[in-house]
Amino acid sequence: LLETVPALLIPMEEGIEKLAKASPLAALRAARRLEVTAMQVGY
């Protein structure tokens, strides 16, 4: 696994967790977008 992949994902995870404290619905939307992206790339 390229080292850049975890380097990209960790800040996204932290950002969504931070967003969840301020706006759970926005965090949910961000998490869903990440899920869709993962499914597309995974396919």
Full PDB file with SEQRES, HELIX, SHEET, SSBOND, CRYST1, ORIGX, SCALE, CONECT and MASTER records, all heavy atoms in Angstrom:
SEQRES   1 A   43  LEU LEU GLU THR VAL PRO ALA LEU LEU ILE PRO MET GLU          
SEQRES   2 A   43  GLU GLY ILE GLU LYS LEU ALA LYS ALA SER PRO LEU ALA          
SEQRES   3 A   43  ALA LEU ARG ALA ALA ARG ARG LEU GLU VAL THR ALA MET          
SEQRES   4 A   43  GLN VAL GLY TYR                                              
HELIX    1 AA1 THR A    4  ALA A   22  1                                  19    
HELIX    2 AA2 PRO A   24  GLY A   42  1                                  19    
CRYST1    1.000    1.000    1.000  90.00  90.00  90.00 P 1           1          
ORIGX1      1.000000  0.000000  0.000000        0.00000                         
ORIGX2      0.000000  1.000000  0.000000        0.00000                         
ORIGX3      0.000000  0.000000  1.000000        0.00000                         
SCALE1      1.000000  0.000000  0.000000        0.00000                         
SCALE2      0.000000  1.000000  0.000000        0.00000                         
SCALE3      0.000000  0.000000  1.000000        0.00000                         
ATOM      1  N   LEU A   1       0.867  -1.169   0.000  1.00  0.00           N  
ATOM      2  CA  LEU A   1       0.000   0.000   0.000  1.00  0.00           C  
ATOM      3  C   LEU A   1       0.907   1.224   0.000  1.00  0.00           C  
ATOM      4  O   LEU A   1       1.798   1.338   0.832  1.00  0.00           O  
ATOM      5  CB  LEU A   1      -0.892   0.006   1.249  1.00  0.00           C  
ATOM      6  CG  LEU A   1      -1.924   1.110   1.352  1.00  0.00           C  
ATOM      7  CD1 LEU A   1      -2.964   0.976   0.237  1.00  0.00           C  
ATOM      8  CD2 LEU A   1      -2.613   1.056   2.693  1.00  0.00           C  
ATOM      9  N   LEU A   2       0.680   2.095  -0.949  1.00  0.00           N  
ATOM     10  CA  LEU A   2       1.481   3.306  -1.003  1.00  0.00           C  
ATOM     11  C   LEU A   2       1.363   4.072   0.305  1.00  0.00           C  
ATOM     12  O   LEU A   2       0.286   4.151   0.880  1.00  0.00           O  
ATOM     13  CB  LEU A   2       1.017   4.200  -2.155  1.00  0.00           C  
ATOM     14  CG  LEU A   2       1.208   3.655  -3.562  1.00  0.00           C  
ATOM     15  CD1 LEU A   2       0.577   4.615  -4.565  1.00  0.00           C  
ATOM     16  CD2 LEU A   2       2.679   3.468  -3.864  1.00  0.00           C  
ATOM     17  N   GLU A   3       2.460   4.629   0.766  1.00  0.00           N  
ATOM     18  CA  GLU A   3       2.440   5.382   2.020  1.00  0.00           C  
ATOM     19  C   GLU A   3       1.528   6.601   1.933  1.00  0.00           C  
ATOM     20  O   GLU A   3       1.039   7.086   2.952  1.00  0.00           O  
ATOM     21  CB  GLU A   3       3.857   5.812   2.383  1.00  0.00           C  
ATOM     22  CG  GLU A   3       4.750   4.656   2.779  1.00  0.00           C  
ATOM     23  CD  GLU A   3       6.161   5.097   3.121  1.00  0.00           C  
ATOM     24  OE1 GLU A   3       6.357   6.294   3.414  1.00  0.00           O  
ATOM     25  OE2 GLU A   3       7.048   4.245   3.101  1.00  0.00           O  
ATOM     26  N   THR A   4       1.290   7.078   0.726  1.00  0.00           N  
ATOM     27  CA  THR A   4       0.456   8.267   0.574  1.00  0.00           C  
ATOM     28  C   THR A   4      -1.005   7.988   0.890  1.00  0.00           C  
ATOM     29  O   THR A   4      -1.724   8.904   1.278  1.00  0.00           O  
ATOM     30  CB  THR A   4       0.557   8.835  -0.852  1.00  0.00           C  
ATOM     31  OG1 THR A   4       0.222   7.809  -1.783  1.00  0.00           O  
ATOM     32  CG2 THR A   4       1.944   9.363  -1.131  1.00  0.00           C  
ATOM     33  N   VAL A   5      -1.446   6.749   0.751  1.00  0.00           N  
ATOM     34  CA  VAL A   5      -2.866   6.450   0.989  1.00  0.00           C  
ATOM     35  C   VAL A   5      -3.241   6.677   2.451  1.00  0.00           C  
ATOM     36  O   VAL A   5      -4.171   7.437   2.731  1.00  0.00           O  
ATOM     37  CB  VAL A   5      -3.232   5.032   0.496  1.00  0.00           C  
ATOM     38  CG1 VAL A   5      -4.656   4.682   0.875  1.00  0.00           C  
ATOM     39  CG2 VAL A   5      -3.031   4.934  -1.005  1.00  0.00           C  
ATOM     40  N   PRO A   6      -2.543   6.056   3.423  1.00  0.00           N  
ATOM     41  CA  PRO A   6      -2.887   6.361   4.817  1.00  0.00           C  
ATOM     42  C   PRO A   6      -2.666   7.841   5.144  1.00  0.00           C  
ATOM     43  O   PRO A   6      -3.426   8.417   5.931  1.00  0.00           O  
ATOM     44  CB  PRO A   6      -1.932   5.483   5.633  1.00  0.00           C  
ATOM     45  CG  PRO A   6      -1.560   4.378   4.719  1.00  0.00           C  
ATOM     46  CD  PRO A   6      -1.563   4.977   3.337  1.00  0.00           C  
ATOM     47  N   ALA A   7      -1.674   8.452   4.533  1.00  0.00           N  
ATOM     48  CA  ALA A   7      -1.415   9.876   4.786  1.00  0.00           C  
ATOM     49  C   ALA A   7      -2.589  10.733   4.329  1.00  0.00           C  
ATOM     50  O   ALA A   7      -2.835  11.802   4.888  1.00  0.00           O  
ATOM     51  CB  ALA A   7      -0.132  10.305   4.089  1.00  0.00           C  
ATOM     52  N   LEU A   8      -3.332  10.278   3.348  1.00  0.00           N  
ATOM     53  CA  LEU A   8      -4.522  11.000   2.892  1.00  0.00           C  
ATOM     54  C   LEU A   8      -5.747  10.652   3.731  1.00  0.00           C  
ATOM     55  O   LEU A   8      -6.569  11.521   4.027  1.00  0.00           O  
ATOM     56  CB  LEU A   8      -4.810  10.666   1.422  1.00  0.00           C  
ATOM     57  CG  LEU A   8      -3.800  11.163   0.401  1.00  0.00           C  
ATOM     58  CD1 LEU A   8      -4.082  10.541  -0.963  1.00  0.00           C  
ATOM     59  CD2 LEU A   8      -3.826  12.676   0.312  1.00  0.00           C  
ATOM     60  N   LEU A   9      -5.877   9.399   4.093  1.00  0.00           N  
ATOM     61  CA  LEU A   9      -7.082   8.953   4.787  1.00  0.00           C  
ATOM     62  C   LEU A   9      -7.144   9.392   6.249  1.00  0.00           C  
ATOM     63  O   LEU A   9      -8.226   9.706   6.750  1.00  0.00           O  
ATOM     64  CB  LEU A   9      -7.206   7.432   4.699  1.00  0.00           C  
ATOM     65  CG  LEU A   9      -7.459   6.881   3.295  1.00  0.00           C  
ATOM     66  CD1 LEU A   9      -7.469   5.358   3.316  1.00  0.00           C  
ATOM     67  CD2 LEU A   9      -8.750   7.426   2.726  1.00  0.00           C  
ATOM     68  N   ILE A  10      -6.027   9.417   6.925  1.00  0.00           N  
ATOM     69  CA  ILE A  10      -6.028   9.780   8.344  1.00  0.00           C  
ATOM     70  C   ILE A  10      -6.556  11.200   8.557  1.00  0.00           C  
ATOM     71  O   ILE A  10      -7.440  11.406   9.391  1.00  0.00           O  
ATOM     72  CB  ILE A  10      -4.635   9.571   8.971  1.00  0.00           C  
ATOM     73  CG1 ILE A  10      -4.350   8.066   9.065  1.00  0.00           C  
ATOM     74  CG2 ILE A  10      -4.544  10.218  10.355  1.00  0.00           C  
ATOM     75  CD1 ILE A  10      -2.922   7.717   9.435  1.00  0.00           C  
ATOM     76  N   PRO A  11      -6.067  12.200   7.808  1.00  0.00           N  
ATOM     77  CA  PRO A  11      -6.638  13.544   7.997  1.00  0.00           C  
ATOM     78  C   PRO A  11      -8.128  13.620   7.631  1.00  0.00           C  
ATOM     79  O   PRO A  11      -8.881  14.366   8.267  1.00  0.00           O  
ATOM     80  CB  PRO A  11      -5.810  14.433   7.066  1.00  0.00           C  
ATOM     81  CG  PRO A  11      -4.558  13.687   6.826  1.00  0.00           C  
ATOM     82  CD  PRO A  11      -4.926  12.238   6.921  1.00  0.00           C  
ATOM     83  N   MET A  12      -8.562  12.837   6.638  1.00  0.00           N  
ATOM     84  CA  MET A  12      -9.990  12.836   6.303  1.00  0.00           C  
ATOM     85  C   MET A  12     -10.804  12.268   7.454  1.00  0.00           C  
ATOM     86  O   MET A  12     -11.857  12.815   7.805  1.00  0.00           O  
ATOM     87  CB  MET A  12     -10.242  12.041   5.016  1.00  0.00           C  
ATOM     88  CG  MET A  12      -9.843  12.808   3.792  1.00  0.00           C  
ATOM     89  SD  MET A  12     -10.557  12.260   2.238  1.00  0.00           S  
ATOM     90  CE  MET A  12     -10.448  10.538   2.251  1.00  0.00           C  
ATOM     91  N   GLU A  13     -10.335  11.177   8.024  1.00  0.00           N  
ATOM     92  CA  GLU A  13     -11.032  10.580   9.161  1.00  0.00           C  
ATOM     93  C   GLU A  13     -11.095  11.575  10.325  1.00  0.00           C  
ATOM     94  O   GLU A  13     -12.160  11.774  10.924  1.00  0.00           O  
ATOM     95  CB  GLU A  13     -10.314   9.305   9.605  1.00  0.00           C  
ATOM     96  CG  GLU A  13     -10.953   8.612  10.782  1.00  0.00           C  
ATOM     97  CD  GLU A  13     -10.207   7.360  11.206  1.00  0.00           C  
ATOM     98  OE1 GLU A  13      -9.215   6.980  10.559  1.00  0.00           O  
ATOM     99  OE2 GLU A  13     -10.624   6.775  12.211  1.00  0.00           O  
ATOM    100  N   GLU A  14      -9.973  12.201  10.617  1.00  0.00           N  
ATOM    101  CA  GLU A  14      -9.937  13.174  11.710  1.00  0.00           C  
ATOM    102  C   GLU A  14     -10.850  14.373  11.415  1.00  0.00           C  
ATOM    103  O   GLU A  14     -11.529  14.881  12.309  1.00  0.00           O  
ATOM    104  CB  GLU A  14      -8.503  13.631  11.952  1.00  0.00           C  
ATOM    105  CG  GLU A  14      -7.622  12.536  12.530  1.00  0.00           C  
ATOM    106  CD  GLU A  14      -6.147  12.895  12.557  1.00  0.00           C  
ATOM    107  OE1 GLU A  14      -5.752  13.931  11.956  1.00  0.00           O  
ATOM    108  OE2 GLU A  14      -5.375  12.128  13.160  1.00  0.00           O  
ATOM    109  N   GLY A  15     -10.855  14.804  10.158  1.00  0.00           N  
ATOM    110  CA  GLY A  15     -11.708  15.926   9.773  1.00  0.00           C  
ATOM    111  C   GLY A  15     -13.181  15.610   9.917  1.00  0.00           C  
ATOM    112  O   GLY A  15     -13.964  16.448  10.399  1.00  0.00           O  
ATOM    113  N   ILE A  16     -13.575  14.404   9.525  1.00  0.00           N  
ATOM    114  CA  ILE A  16     -14.980  14.014   9.645  1.00  0.00           C  
ATOM    115  C   ILE A  16     -15.363  13.883  11.118  1.00  0.00           C  
ATOM    116  O   ILE A  16     -16.457  14.285  11.528  1.00  0.00           O  
ATOM    117  CB  ILE A  16     -15.270  12.730   8.843  1.00  0.00           C  
ATOM    118  CG1 ILE A  16     -15.151  13.028   7.342  1.00  0.00           C  
ATOM    119  CG2 ILE A  16     -16.648  12.175   9.176  1.00  0.00           C  
ATOM    120  CD1 ILE A  16     -15.232  11.812   6.453  1.00  0.00           C  
ATOM    121  N   GLU A  17     -14.459  13.340  11.931  1.00  0.00           N  
ATOM    122  CA  GLU A  17     -14.743  13.237  13.364  1.00  0.00           C  
ATOM    123  C   GLU A  17     -14.909  14.627  13.981  1.00  0.00           C  
ATOM    124  O   GLU A  17     -15.801  14.849  14.798  1.00  0.00           O  
ATOM    125  CB  GLU A  17     -13.632  12.463  14.069  1.00  0.00           C  
ATOM    126  CG  GLU A  17     -13.649  10.982  13.775  1.00  0.00           C  
ATOM    127  CD  GLU A  17     -12.468  10.236  14.368  1.00  0.00           C  
ATOM    128  OE1 GLU A  17     -11.572  10.870  14.967  1.00  0.00           O  
ATOM    129  OE2 GLU A  17     -12.444   9.001  14.230  1.00  0.00           O  
ATOM    130  N   LYS A  18     -14.060  15.559  13.591  1.00  0.00           N  
ATOM    131  CA  LYS A  18     -14.161  16.933  14.095  1.00  0.00           C  
ATOM    132  C   LYS A  18     -15.465  17.577  13.621  1.00  0.00           C  
ATOM    133  O   LYS A  18     -16.158  18.243  14.390  1.00  0.00           O  
ATOM    134  CB  LYS A  18     -12.959  17.742  13.621  1.00  0.00           C  
ATOM    135  CG  LYS A  18     -12.915  19.144  14.146  1.00  0.00           C  
ATOM    136  CD  LYS A  18     -11.651  19.857  13.677  1.00  0.00           C  
ATOM    137  CE  LYS A  18     -11.627  21.285  14.164  1.00  0.00           C  
ATOM    138  NZ  LYS A  18     -10.427  22.006  13.701  1.00  0.00           N  
ATOM    139  N   LEU A  19     -15.790  17.359  12.365  1.00  0.00           N  
ATOM    140  CA  LEU A  19     -17.024  17.900  11.808  1.00  0.00           C  
ATOM    141  C   LEU A  19     -18.239  17.342  12.539  1.00  0.00           C  
ATOM    142  O   LEU A  19     -19.222  18.048  12.761  1.00  0.00           O  
ATOM    143  CB  LEU A  19     -17.095  17.579  10.309  1.00  0.00           C  
ATOM    144  CG  LEU A  19     -18.289  18.099   9.527  1.00  0.00           C  
ATOM    145  CD1 LEU A  19     -18.341  19.631   9.597  1.00  0.00           C  
ATOM    146  CD2 LEU A  19     -18.199  17.635   8.079  1.00  0.00           C  
ATOM    147  N   ALA A  20     -18.175  16.072  12.938  1.00  0.00           N  
ATOM    148  CA  ALA A  20     -19.301  15.430  13.624  1.00  0.00           C  
ATOM    149  C   ALA A  20     -19.647  16.130  14.927  1.00  0.00           C  
ATOM    150  O   ALA A  20     -20.814  16.161  15.334  1.00  0.00           O  
ATOM    151  CB  ALA A  20     -18.990  13.959  13.887  1.00  0.00           C  
ATOM    152  N   LYS A  21     -18.655  16.703  15.575  1.00  0.00           N  
ATOM    153  CA  LYS A  21     -18.906  17.421  16.830  1.00  0.00           C  
ATOM    154  C   LYS A  21     -19.648  18.726  16.575  1.00  0.00           C  
ATOM    155  O   LYS A  21     -20.487  19.129  17.374  1.00  0.00           O  
ATOM    156  CB  LYS A  21     -17.593  17.685  17.550  1.00  0.00           C  
ATOM    157  CG  LYS A  21     -16.936  16.421  18.050  1.00  0.00           C  
ATOM    158  CD  LYS A  21     -15.583  16.694  18.651  1.00  0.00           C  
ATOM    159  CE  LYS A  21     -14.932  15.365  19.056  1.00  0.00           C  
ATOM    160  NZ  LYS A  21     -13.549  15.539  19.440  1.00  0.00           N  
ATOM    161  N   ALA A  22     -19.342  19.373  15.456  1.00  0.00           N  
ATOM    162  CA  ALA A  22     -19.971  20.661  15.139  1.00  0.00           C  
ATOM    163  C   ALA A  22     -21.277  20.486  14.369  1.00  0.00           C  
ATOM    164  O   ALA A  22     -22.242  21.210  14.602  1.00  0.00           O  
ATOM    165  CB  ALA A  22     -19.007  21.521  14.324  1.00  0.00           C  
ATOM    166  N   SER A  23     -21.298  19.521  13.459  1.00  0.00           N  
ATOM    167  CA  SER A  23     -22.475  19.325  12.621  1.00  0.00           C  
ATOM    168  C   SER A  23     -22.584  17.853  12.220  1.00  0.00           C  
ATOM    169  O   SER A  23     -22.018  17.443  11.200  1.00  0.00           O  
ATOM    170  CB  SER A  23     -22.380  20.202  11.371  1.00  0.00           C  
ATOM    171  OG  SER A  23     -23.476  19.947  10.517  1.00  0.00           O  
ATOM    172  N   PRO A  24     -23.273  17.053  13.025  1.00  0.00           N  
ATOM    173  CA  PRO A  24     -23.396  15.624  12.718  1.00  0.00           C  
ATOM    174  C   PRO A  24     -23.952  15.338  11.325  1.00  0.00           C  
ATOM    175  O   PRO A  24     -23.500  14.403  10.663  1.00  0.00           O  
ATOM    176  CB  PRO A  24     -24.336  15.101  13.805  1.00  0.00           C  
ATOM    177  CG  PRO A  24     -24.188  16.066  14.927  1.00  0.00           C  
ATOM    178  CD  PRO A  24     -23.939  17.394  14.271  1.00  0.00           C  
ATOM    179  N   LEU A  25     -24.902  16.137  10.870  1.00  0.00           N  
ATOM    180  CA  LEU A  25     -25.463  15.900   9.540  1.00  0.00           C  
ATOM    181  C   LEU A  25     -24.438  16.167   8.442  1.00  0.00           C  
ATOM    182  O   LEU A  25     -24.370  15.421   7.452  1.00  0.00           O  
ATOM    183  CB  LEU A  25     -26.719  16.749   9.320  1.00  0.00           C  
ATOM    184  CG  LEU A  25     -27.937  16.326  10.130  1.00  0.00           C  
ATOM    185  CD1 LEU A  25     -29.086  17.297   9.908  1.00  0.00           C  
ATOM    186  CD2 LEU A  25     -28.355  14.905   9.790  1.00  0.00           C  
ATOM    187  N   ALA A  26     -23.636  17.192   8.608  1.00  0.00           N  
ATOM    188  CA  ALA A  26     -22.580  17.471   7.629  1.00  0.00           C  
ATOM    189  C   ALA A  26     -21.551  16.351   7.638  1.00  0.00           C  
ATOM    190  O   ALA A  26     -21.057  15.933   6.588  1.00  0.00           O  
ATOM    191  CB  ALA A  26     -21.921  18.818   7.916  1.00  0.00           C  
ATOM    192  N   ALA A  27     -21.230  15.842   8.821  1.00  0.00           N  
ATOM    193  CA  ALA A  27     -20.289  14.733   8.923  1.00  0.00           C  
ATOM    194  C   ALA A  27     -20.840  13.483   8.254  1.00  0.00           C  
ATOM    195  O   ALA A  27     -20.121  12.754   7.567  1.00  0.00           O  
ATOM    196  CB  ALA A  27     -19.962  14.454  10.385  1.00  0.00           C  
ATOM    197  N   LEU A  28     -22.125  13.250   8.430  1.00  0.00           N  
ATOM    198  CA  LEU A  28     -22.771  12.110   7.785  1.00  0.00           C  
ATOM    199  C   LEU A  28     -22.709  12.241   6.271  1.00  0.00           C  
ATOM    200  O   LEU A  28     -22.427  11.277   5.557  1.00  0.00           O  
ATOM    201  CB  LEU A  28     -24.220  11.993   8.260  1.00  0.00           C  
ATOM    202  CG  LEU A  28     -25.018  10.810   7.745  1.00  0.00           C  
ATOM    203  CD1 LEU A  28     -24.359   9.499   8.153  1.00  0.00           C  
ATOM    204  CD2 LEU A  28     -26.441  10.883   8.269  1.00  0.00           C  
ATOM    205  N   ARG A  29     -22.964  13.449   5.781  1.00  0.00           N  
ATOM    206  CA  ARG A  29     -22.889  13.686   4.340  1.00  0.00           C  
ATOM    207  C   ARG A  29     -21.462  13.456   3.830  1.00  0.00           C  
ATOM    208  O   ARG A  29     -21.264  12.833   2.784  1.00  0.00           O  
ATOM    209  CB  ARG A  29     -23.335  15.109   4.038  1.00  0.00           C  
ATOM    210  CG  ARG A  29     -23.391  15.404   2.571  1.00  0.00           C  
ATOM    211  CD  ARG A  29     -23.963  16.770   2.299  1.00  0.00           C  
ATOM    212  NE  ARG A  29     -24.017  16.994   0.868  1.00  0.00           N  
ATOM    213  CZ  ARG A  29     -24.199  18.159   0.321  1.00  0.00           C  
ATOM    214  NH1 ARG A  29     -24.382  19.232   1.080  1.00  0.00           N  
ATOM    215  NH2 ARG A  29     -24.231  18.293  -0.977  1.00  0.00           N  
ATOM    216  N   ALA A  30     -20.474  13.934   4.577  1.00  0.00           N  
ATOM    217  CA  ALA A  30     -19.074  13.739   4.185  1.00  0.00           C  
ATOM    218  C   ALA A  30     -18.706  12.255   4.207  1.00  0.00           C  
ATOM    219  O   ALA A  30     -18.039  11.755   3.298  1.00  0.00           O  
ATOM    220  CB  ALA A  30     -18.152  14.531   5.109  1.00  0.00           C  
ATOM    221  N   ALA A  31     -19.161  11.553   5.235  1.00  0.00           N  
ATOM    222  CA  ALA A  31     -18.881  10.120   5.337  1.00  0.00           C  
ATOM    223  C   ALA A  31     -19.531   9.354   4.192  1.00  0.00           C  
ATOM    224  O   ALA A  31     -18.938   8.432   3.625  1.00  0.00           O  
ATOM    225  CB  ALA A  31     -19.358   9.582   6.683  1.00  0.00           C  
ATOM    226  N   ARG A  32     -20.742   9.739   3.835  1.00  0.00           N  
ATOM    227  CA  ARG A  32     -21.433   9.080   2.715  1.00  0.00           C  
ATOM    228  C   ARG A  32     -20.689   9.330   1.413  1.00  0.00           C  
ATOM    229  O   ARG A  32     -20.538   8.436   0.587  1.00  0.00           O  
ATOM    230  CB  ARG A  32     -22.878   9.576   2.617  1.00  0.00           C  
ATOM    231  CG  ARG A  32     -23.624   9.035   1.433  1.00  0.00           C  
ATOM    232  CD  ARG A  32     -23.763   7.521   1.472  1.00  0.00           C  
ATOM    233  NE  ARG A  32     -24.485   7.081   0.288  1.00  0.00           N  
ATOM    234  CZ  ARG A  32     -24.286   5.925  -0.308  1.00  0.00           C  
ATOM    235  NH1 ARG A  32     -23.418   5.060   0.184  1.00  0.00           N  
ATOM    236  NH2 ARG A  32     -24.967   5.594  -1.375  1.00  0.00           N  
ATOM    237  N   ARG A  33     -20.205  10.555   1.221  1.00  0.00           N  
ATOM    238  CA  ARG A  33     -19.450  10.871   0.012  1.00  0.00           C  
ATOM    239  C   ARG A  33     -18.178  10.035  -0.056  1.00  0.00           C  
ATOM    240  O   ARG A  33     -17.809   9.520  -1.106  1.00  0.00           O  
ATOM    241  CB  ARG A  33     -19.117  12.370  -0.015  1.00  0.00           C  
ATOM    242  CG  ARG A  33     -18.391  12.804  -1.226  1.00  0.00           C  
ATOM    243  CD  ARG A  33     -19.263  12.642  -2.492  1.00  0.00           C  
ATOM    244  NE  ARG A  33     -18.379  12.435  -3.615  1.00  0.00           N  
ATOM    245  CZ  ARG A  33     -18.629  11.624  -4.641  1.00  0.00           C  
ATOM    246  NH1 ARG A  33     -19.761  10.973  -4.732  1.00  0.00           N  
ATOM    247  NH2 ARG A  33     -17.771  11.483  -5.604  1.00  0.00           N  
ATOM    248  N   LEU A  34     -17.526   9.871   1.081  1.00  0.00           N  
ATOM    249  CA  LEU A  34     -16.323   9.045   1.146  1.00  0.00           C  
ATOM    250  C   LEU A  34     -16.656   7.588   0.827  1.00  0.00           C  
ATOM    251  O   LEU A  34     -15.921   6.911   0.098  1.00  0.00           O  
ATOM    252  CB  LEU A  34     -15.688   9.167   2.526  1.00  0.00           C  
ATOM    253  CG  LEU A  34     -14.375   8.436   2.762  1.00  0.00           C  
ATOM    254  CD1 LEU A  34     -13.309   8.870   1.769  1.00  0.00           C  
ATOM    255  CD2 LEU A  34     -13.914   8.671   4.189  1.00  0.00           C  
ATOM    256  N   GLU A  35     -17.797   7.126   1.336  1.00  0.00           N  
ATOM    257  CA  GLU A  35     -18.245   5.758   1.069  1.00  0.00           C  
ATOM    258  C   GLU A  35     -18.508   5.549  -0.423  1.00  0.00           C  
ATOM    259  O   GLU A  35     -18.095   4.541  -1.002  1.00  0.00           O  
ATOM    260  CB  GLU A  35     -19.508   5.473   1.875  1.00  0.00           C  
ATOM    261  CG  GLU A  35     -20.050   4.074   1.711  1.00  0.00           C  
ATOM    262  CD  GLU A  35     -21.322   3.866   2.517  1.00  0.00           C  
ATOM    263  OE1 GLU A  35     -22.139   4.801   2.628  1.00  0.00           O  
ATOM    264  OE2 GLU A  35     -21.492   2.741   3.011  1.00  0.00           O  
ATOM    265  N   VAL A  36     -19.178   6.487  -1.049  1.00  0.00           N  
ATOM    266  CA  VAL A  36     -19.467   6.392  -2.485  1.00  0.00           C  
ATOM    267  C   VAL A  36     -18.169   6.384  -3.283  1.00  0.00           C  
ATOM    268  O   VAL A  36     -17.994   5.578  -4.206  1.00  0.00           O  
ATOM    269  CB  VAL A  36     -20.401   7.541  -2.932  1.00  0.00           C  
ATOM    270  CG1 VAL A  36     -20.482   7.637  -4.443  1.00  0.00           C  
ATOM    271  CG2 VAL A  36     -21.785   7.360  -2.332  1.00  0.00           C  
ATOM    272  N   THR A  37     -17.257   7.266  -2.914  1.00  0.00           N  
ATOM    273  CA  THR A  37     -15.967   7.322  -3.608  1.00  0.00           C  
ATOM    274  C   THR A  37     -15.229   5.999  -3.468  1.00  0.00           C  
ATOM    275  O   THR A  37     -14.691   5.475  -4.448  1.00  0.00           O  
ATOM    276  CB  THR A  37     -15.113   8.480  -3.054  1.00  0.00           C  
ATOM    277  OG1 THR A  37     -15.804   9.708  -3.257  1.00  0.00           O  
ATOM    278  CG2 THR A  37     -13.756   8.539  -3.728  1.00  0.00           C  
ATOM    279  N   ALA A  38     -15.219   5.440  -2.258  1.00  0.00           N  
ATOM    280  CA  ALA A  38     -14.549   4.158  -2.027  1.00  0.00           C  
ATOM    281  C   ALA A  38     -15.169   3.044  -2.864  1.00  0.00           C  
ATOM    282  O   ALA A  38     -14.459   2.202  -3.423  1.00  0.00           O  
ATOM    283  CB  ALA A  38     -14.595   3.799  -0.543  1.00  0.00           C  
ATOM    284  N   MET A  39     -16.499   3.045  -2.968  1.00  0.00           N  
ATOM    285  CA  MET A  39     -17.166   2.017  -3.777  1.00  0.00           C  
ATOM    286  C   MET A  39     -16.803   2.176  -5.253  1.00  0.00           C  
ATOM    287  O   MET A  39     -16.557   1.188  -5.950  1.00  0.00           O  
ATOM    288  CB  MET A  39     -18.682   2.072  -3.578  1.00  0.00           C  
ATOM    289  CG  MET A  39     -19.099   1.578  -2.215  1.00  0.00           C  
ATOM    290  SD  MET A  39     -20.890   1.461  -1.873  1.00  0.00           S  
ATOM    291  CE  MET A  39     -21.667   2.599  -2.933  1.00  0.00           C  
ATOM    292  N   GLN A  40     -16.753   3.395  -5.733  1.00  0.00           N  
ATOM    293  CA  GLN A  40     -16.422   3.633  -7.136  1.00  0.00           C  
ATOM    294  C   GLN A  40     -14.992   3.199  -7.441  1.00  0.00           C  
ATOM    295  O   GLN A  40     -14.739   2.500  -8.413  1.00  0.00           O  
ATOM    296  CB  GLN A  40     -16.603   5.111  -7.488  1.00  0.00           C  
ATOM    297  CG  GLN A  40     -18.050   5.538  -7.517  1.00  0.00           C  
ATOM    298  CD  GLN A  40     -18.215   7.042  -7.647  1.00  0.00           C  
ATOM    299  OE1 GLN A  40     -17.309   7.812  -7.373  1.00  0.00           O  
ATOM    300  NE2 GLN A  40     -19.400   7.454  -8.059  1.00  0.00           N  
ATOM    301  N   VAL A  41     -14.059   3.596  -6.594  1.00  0.00           N  
ATOM    302  CA  VAL A  41     -12.665   3.248  -6.833  1.00  0.00           C  
ATOM    303  C   VAL A  41     -12.457   1.751  -6.640  1.00  0.00           C  
ATOM    304  O   VAL A  41     -11.704   1.130  -7.382  1.00  0.00           O  
ATOM    305  CB  VAL A  41     -11.717   4.010  -5.883  1.00  0.00           C  
ATOM    306  CG1 VAL A  41     -10.319   4.040  -6.424  1.00  0.00           C  
ATOM    307  CG2 VAL A  41     -12.162   5.406  -5.621  1.00  0.00           C  
ATOM    308  N   GLY A  42     -13.142   1.199  -5.644  1.00  0.00           N  
ATOM    309  CA  GLY A  42     -13.033  -0.234  -5.399  1.00  0.00           C  
ATOM    310  C   GLY A  42     -13.550  -1.051  -6.558  1.00  0.00           C  
ATOM    311  O   GLY A  42     -12.984  -2.090  -6.912  1.00  0.00           O  
ATOM    312  N   TYR A  43     -14.629  -0.593  -7.171  1.00  0.00           N  
ATOM    313  CA  TYR A  43     -15.200  -1.308  -8.318  1.00  0.00           C  
ATOM    314  C   TYR A  43     -14.186  -1.401  -9.443  1.00  0.00           C  
ATOM    315  O   TYR A  43     -13.928  -2.476  -9.977  1.00  0.00           O  
ATOM    316  CB  TYR A  43     -16.466  -0.601  -8.795  1.00  0.00           C  
ATOM    317  CG  TYR A  43     -17.024  -1.190 -10.074  1.00  0.00           C  
ATOM    318  CD1 TYR A  43     -17.806  -2.337 -10.035  1.00  0.00           C  
ATOM    319  CD2 TYR A  43     -16.741  -0.616 -11.314  1.00  0.00           C  
ATOM    320  CE1 TYR A  43     -18.314  -2.887 -11.204  1.00  0.00           C  
ATOM    321  CE2 TYR A  43     -17.236  -1.169 -12.484  1.00  0.00           C  
ATOM    322  CZ  TYR A  43     -18.024  -2.302 -12.427  1.00  0.00           C  
ATOM    323  OH  TYR A  43     -18.505  -2.848 -13.581  1.00  0.00           O  
TER     324      TYR A  43                                                      
MASTER        0    0    0    2    0    0    0    6  323    1    0    4          
END                                                                             
